[in-house]
Structures are given as structure tokens and as C-alpha cells.
């Protein structure tokens, strides 16, 4: 447990940040899942639309440091490969 006022405040802020990051990661997974569902259904138009949203979300989280730049690039590459394989 925190022994000083400053440490208590930092612990409080860290917990708020953790909750926000968990929510952001969860939303990212949902957006990526929408792309994969559209690919599985064979709907190329919906997959491309969902991919644009996923790409934006992944880039935003990488910029904020919630996920690494390489994870964002890897995820986008894998999703894009699945979309291209539909053709």
C-alpha cells in the first residue's frame, strides 16, 4: 500500500489509466473481430469498410503506446492478407 500522499495519488491515477487501457484494447479486439467475421462471411465490401476502422483504431492505440507499433503493423498485415485472399 502507498505510504505517502503522492504515492496514493499515483496509485489512483494508475488504476484509472489501467481501466481506460483495458477498454481501449477490448474495443480494438471487437473492431478486428468485425473484419474477421466479414471475411468469414465472404462480404468483401463490409470487410474493407471494417478494415479501415480497424486500421485507424490500431494506429491510434500504437500512437498512444497502448499496443506496440509492431503489433499494430502485424495485425494490419494479417487482416489485409485475409481480405486479399478472398479475391
N, C-alpha and C. Protein backbone atom coordinates (compact mmCIF):
# COMPACT_ATOMS: atom_id res chain seq x y z
N UNK A 1 0.85 -1.19 0.00
CA UNK A 1 0.00 0.00 0.00
C UNK A 1 0.89 1.24 0.00
N UNK A 2 0.36 2.30 -0.58
CA UNK A 2 1.13 3.54 -0.68
C UNK A 2 1.28 4.19 0.69
N UNK A 3 2.49 4.71 0.96
CA UNK A 3 2.77 5.31 2.26
C UNK A 3 2.68 6.83 2.27
N UNK A 4 2.73 7.44 1.10
CA UNK A 4 2.70 8.90 1.04
C UNK A 4 1.49 9.34 0.22
N UNK A 5 1.17 10.62 0.36
CA UNK A 5 0.04 11.18 -0.39
C UNK A 5 0.32 11.09 -1.90
N UNK A 6 1.55 11.37 -2.27
CA UNK A 6 1.91 11.33 -3.69
C UNK A 6 1.76 9.91 -4.25
N UNK A 7 2.23 8.92 -3.48
CA UNK A 7 2.14 7.53 -3.93
C UNK A 7 0.68 7.09 -4.01
N UNK A 8 -0.15 7.56 -3.09
CA UNK A 8 -1.57 7.23 -3.11
C UNK A 8 -2.21 7.81 -4.37
N UNK A 9 -1.88 9.04 -4.68
CA UNK A 9 -2.43 9.68 -5.87
C UNK A 9 -1.98 8.95 -7.13
N UNK A 10 -0.69 8.60 -7.20
CA UNK A 10 -0.19 7.90 -8.37
C UNK A 10 -0.87 6.54 -8.54
N UNK A 11 -1.14 5.86 -7.43
CA UNK A 11 -1.83 4.57 -7.49
C UNK A 11 -3.24 4.75 -8.02
N UNK A 12 -3.89 5.83 -7.59
CA UNK A 12 -5.25 6.14 -8.06
C UNK A 12 -5.24 6.43 -9.56
N UNK A 13 -4.28 7.22 -10.01
CA UNK A 13 -4.18 7.58 -11.42
C UNK A 13 -3.84 6.34 -12.26
N UNK A 14 -2.94 5.51 -11.74
CA UNK A 14 -2.55 4.30 -12.47
C UNK A 14 -3.74 3.37 -12.67
N UNK A 15 -4.59 3.27 -11.67
CA UNK A 15 -5.78 2.41 -11.77
C UNK A 15 -6.76 2.96 -12.81
N UNK A 16 -6.95 4.28 -12.83
CA UNK A 16 -7.83 4.90 -13.84
C UNK A 16 -7.29 4.64 -15.24
N UNK A 17 -5.98 4.81 -15.39
CA UNK A 17 -5.35 4.60 -16.69
C UNK A 17 -5.48 3.15 -17.14
N UNK A 18 -5.29 2.23 -16.19
CA UNK A 18 -5.40 0.80 -16.50
C UNK A 18 -6.79 0.47 -17.01
N UNK A 19 -7.81 1.01 -16.36
CA UNK A 19 -9.19 0.75 -16.77
C UNK A 19 -9.45 1.30 -18.17
N UNK A 20 -8.95 2.50 -18.46
CA UNK A 20 -9.11 3.08 -19.78
C UNK A 20 -8.39 2.24 -20.84
N UNK A 21 -7.19 1.78 -20.52
CA UNK A 21 -6.43 0.97 -21.48
C UNK A 21 -7.11 -0.36 -21.76
N UNK A 22 -7.68 -0.97 -20.72
CA UNK A 22 -8.39 -2.24 -20.89
C UNK A 22 -9.58 -2.03 -21.83
N UNK A 23 -10.30 -0.93 -21.65
CA UNK A 23 -11.45 -0.64 -22.51
C UNK A 23 -11.02 -0.41 -23.95
N UNK A 24 -9.92 0.31 -24.13
CA UNK A 24 -9.42 0.57 -25.48
C UNK A 24 -9.00 -0.72 -26.17
N UNK A 25 -8.30 -1.60 -25.45
CA UNK A 25 -7.87 -2.87 -26.02
C UNK A 25 -9.07 -3.74 -26.38
N UNK A 26 -10.08 -3.73 -25.52
CA UNK A 26 -11.28 -4.50 -25.77
C UNK A 26 -11.98 -4.01 -27.03
N UNK A 27 -12.08 -2.70 -27.19
CA UNK A 27 -12.70 -2.13 -28.38
C UNK A 27 -11.90 -2.49 -29.63
N UNK A 28 -10.58 -2.50 -29.52
CA UNK A 28 -9.73 -2.88 -30.64
C UNK A 28 -10.03 -4.31 -31.07
N UNK A 29 -10.14 -5.22 -30.10
CA UNK A 29 -10.43 -6.62 -30.41
C UNK A 29 -11.79 -6.76 -31.09
N UNK A 30 -12.76 -5.97 -30.64
CA UNK A 30 -14.09 -6.00 -31.23
C UNK A 30 -14.04 -5.55 -32.69
N UNK A 31 -13.31 -4.47 -32.96
CA UNK A 31 -13.22 -3.93 -34.31
C UNK A 31 -12.51 -4.93 -35.23
N UNK A 32 -11.47 -5.56 -34.73
CA UNK A 32 -10.74 -6.55 -35.53
C UNK A 32 -11.63 -7.76 -35.79
N UNK A 33 -12.41 -8.15 -34.79
CA UNK A 33 -13.30 -9.29 -34.93
C UNK A 33 -14.35 -9.04 -36.01
N UNK A 34 -14.83 -7.79 -36.11
CA UNK A 34 -15.81 -7.45 -37.14
C UNK A 34 -15.24 -7.69 -38.53
N UNK A 35 -13.96 -7.38 -38.71
CA UNK A 35 -13.32 -7.61 -40.01
C UNK A 35 -13.27 -9.11 -40.28
N UNK A 36 -12.85 -9.88 -39.29
CA UNK A 36 -12.71 -11.33 -39.48
C UNK A 36 -14.05 -12.00 -39.73
N UNK A 37 -15.11 -11.50 -39.09
CA UNK A 37 -16.45 -12.04 -39.33
C UNK A 37 -16.89 -11.74 -40.76
N UNK A 38 -16.62 -10.52 -41.24
CA UNK A 38 -16.98 -10.15 -42.61
C UNK A 38 -16.20 -10.99 -43.62
N UNK A 39 -14.93 -11.27 -43.32
CA UNK A 39 -14.12 -12.11 -44.20
C UNK A 39 -14.67 -13.53 -44.23
N UNK A 40 -15.04 -14.04 -43.06
CA UNK A 40 -15.59 -15.40 -42.99
C UNK A 40 -16.91 -15.51 -43.73
N UNK A 41 -17.68 -14.42 -43.72
CA UNK A 41 -18.97 -14.41 -44.42
C UNK A 41 -18.79 -14.21 -45.93
N UNK A 42 -17.60 -13.80 -46.35
CA UNK A 42 -17.33 -13.59 -47.76
C UNK A 42 -17.77 -12.25 -48.29
N UNK A 43 -18.06 -11.32 -47.39
CA UNK A 43 -18.53 -9.98 -47.78
C UNK A 43 -17.33 -9.04 -47.89
N UNK A 44 -16.82 -8.90 -49.12
CA UNK A 44 -15.58 -8.13 -49.30
C UNK A 44 -15.79 -6.64 -49.02
N UNK A 45 -16.95 -6.11 -49.40
CA UNK A 45 -17.23 -4.68 -49.18
C UNK A 45 -17.27 -4.36 -47.68
N UNK A 46 -17.98 -5.20 -46.93
CA UNK A 46 -18.06 -4.99 -45.48
C UNK A 46 -16.70 -5.18 -44.83
N UNK A 47 -15.93 -6.13 -45.34
CA UNK A 47 -14.60 -6.39 -44.79
C UNK A 47 -13.69 -5.19 -45.00
N UNK A 48 -13.76 -4.58 -46.19
CA UNK A 48 -12.93 -3.40 -46.46
C UNK A 48 -13.34 -2.22 -45.58
N UNK A 49 -14.64 -2.03 -45.40
CA UNK A 49 -15.12 -0.94 -44.55
C UNK A 49 -14.67 -1.16 -43.10
N UNK A 50 -14.84 -2.38 -42.62
CA UNK A 50 -14.43 -2.70 -41.25
C UNK A 50 -12.92 -2.61 -41.10
N UNK A 51 -12.18 -2.96 -42.15
CA UNK A 51 -10.72 -2.90 -42.09
C UNK A 51 -10.24 -1.46 -41.93
N UNK A 52 -10.89 -0.53 -42.62
CA UNK A 52 -10.50 0.87 -42.47
C UNK A 52 -10.67 1.33 -41.02
N UNK A 53 -11.77 0.93 -40.39
CA UNK A 53 -11.99 1.29 -38.98
C UNK A 53 -10.95 0.62 -38.08
N UNK A 54 -10.66 -0.65 -38.36
CA UNK A 54 -9.68 -1.38 -37.55
C UNK A 54 -8.29 -0.78 -37.70
N UNK A 55 -7.95 -0.41 -38.92
CA UNK A 55 -6.64 0.19 -39.20
C UNK A 55 -6.48 1.48 -38.40
N UNK A 56 -7.52 2.29 -38.40
CA UNK A 56 -7.48 3.55 -37.66
C UNK A 56 -7.31 3.30 -36.17
N UNK A 57 -8.07 2.35 -35.64
CA UNK A 57 -8.01 2.03 -34.22
C UNK A 57 -6.63 1.50 -33.83
N UNK A 58 -6.09 0.60 -34.63
CA UNK A 58 -4.78 0.03 -34.34
C UNK A 58 -3.70 1.11 -34.35
N UNK A 59 -3.75 1.98 -35.35
CA UNK A 59 -2.75 3.06 -35.44
C UNK A 59 -2.87 4.01 -34.24
N UNK A 60 -4.09 4.30 -33.84
CA UNK A 60 -4.29 5.20 -32.69
C UNK A 60 -3.74 4.61 -31.41
N UNK A 61 -3.99 3.33 -31.19
CA UNK A 61 -3.50 2.68 -29.97
C UNK A 61 -1.98 2.57 -29.99
N UNK A 62 -1.41 2.36 -31.16
CA UNK A 62 0.05 2.30 -31.26
C UNK A 62 0.65 3.67 -30.97
N UNK A 63 -0.01 4.70 -31.45
CA UNK A 63 0.49 6.07 -31.22
C UNK A 63 0.43 6.42 -29.73
N UNK A 64 -0.60 5.94 -29.04
CA UNK A 64 -0.72 6.22 -27.61
C UNK A 64 0.13 5.31 -26.74
N UNK A 65 0.69 4.25 -27.33
CA UNK A 65 1.55 3.35 -26.58
C UNK A 65 0.80 2.24 -25.87
N UNK A 66 -0.48 2.07 -26.19
CA UNK A 66 -1.26 1.01 -25.55
C UNK A 66 -0.88 -0.34 -26.14
N UNK A 67 -0.61 -0.37 -27.44
CA UNK A 67 -0.02 -1.55 -28.07
C UNK A 67 1.25 -1.08 -28.79
N UNK A 68 2.13 -2.03 -29.10
CA UNK A 68 3.37 -1.63 -29.76
C UNK A 68 3.12 -1.37 -31.24
N UNK A 69 4.02 -0.61 -31.84
CA UNK A 69 3.94 -0.28 -33.26
C UNK A 69 3.99 -1.56 -34.10
N UNK A 70 4.84 -2.50 -33.67
CA UNK A 70 4.97 -3.75 -34.42
C UNK A 70 3.70 -4.59 -34.34
N UNK A 71 3.04 -4.61 -33.21
CA UNK A 71 1.79 -5.36 -33.09
C UNK A 71 0.73 -4.80 -34.01
N UNK A 72 0.65 -3.46 -34.08
CA UNK A 72 -0.32 -2.83 -34.97
C UNK A 72 -0.02 -3.19 -36.42
N UNK A 73 1.25 -3.11 -36.81
CA UNK A 73 1.63 -3.42 -38.18
C UNK A 73 1.37 -4.89 -38.50
N UNK A 74 1.69 -5.76 -37.57
CA UNK A 74 1.49 -7.20 -37.77
C UNK A 74 0.00 -7.53 -37.93
N UNK A 75 -0.82 -6.93 -37.07
CA UNK A 75 -2.26 -7.18 -37.13
C UNK A 75 -2.85 -6.69 -38.45
N UNK A 76 -2.46 -5.47 -38.84
CA UNK A 76 -2.97 -4.92 -40.10
C UNK A 76 -2.55 -5.78 -41.29
N UNK A 77 -1.31 -6.25 -41.26
CA UNK A 77 -0.81 -7.08 -42.35
C UNK A 77 -1.57 -8.39 -42.45
N UNK A 78 -1.81 -9.03 -41.33
CA UNK A 78 -2.51 -10.31 -41.32
C UNK A 78 -3.96 -10.16 -41.77
N UNK A 79 -4.61 -9.10 -41.31
CA UNK A 79 -6.01 -8.87 -41.70
C UNK A 79 -6.08 -8.59 -43.20
N UNK A 80 -5.17 -7.73 -43.67
CA UNK A 80 -5.16 -7.37 -45.08
C UNK A 80 -4.90 -8.60 -45.96
N UNK A 81 -4.04 -9.49 -45.50
CA UNK A 81 -3.76 -10.72 -46.25
C UNK A 81 -5.01 -11.57 -46.37
N UNK A 82 -5.81 -11.64 -45.32
CA UNK A 82 -7.05 -12.42 -45.36
C UNK A 82 -8.05 -11.80 -46.33
N UNK A 83 -8.11 -10.46 -46.35
CA UNK A 83 -9.03 -9.78 -47.27
C UNK A 83 -8.60 -10.03 -48.71
N UNK A 84 -7.31 -9.93 -48.98
CA UNK A 84 -6.79 -10.15 -50.33
C UNK A 84 -7.00 -11.61 -50.78
N UNK A 85 -6.95 -12.55 -49.83
CA UNK A 85 -7.14 -13.96 -50.17
C UNK A 85 -8.57 -14.26 -50.58
N UNK A 86 -9.50 -13.38 -50.25
CA UNK A 86 -10.89 -13.58 -50.63
C UNK A 86 -11.08 -13.51 -52.14
N UNK A 87 -10.27 -12.71 -52.82
CA UNK A 87 -10.47 -12.47 -54.25
C UNK A 87 -10.19 -13.70 -55.10
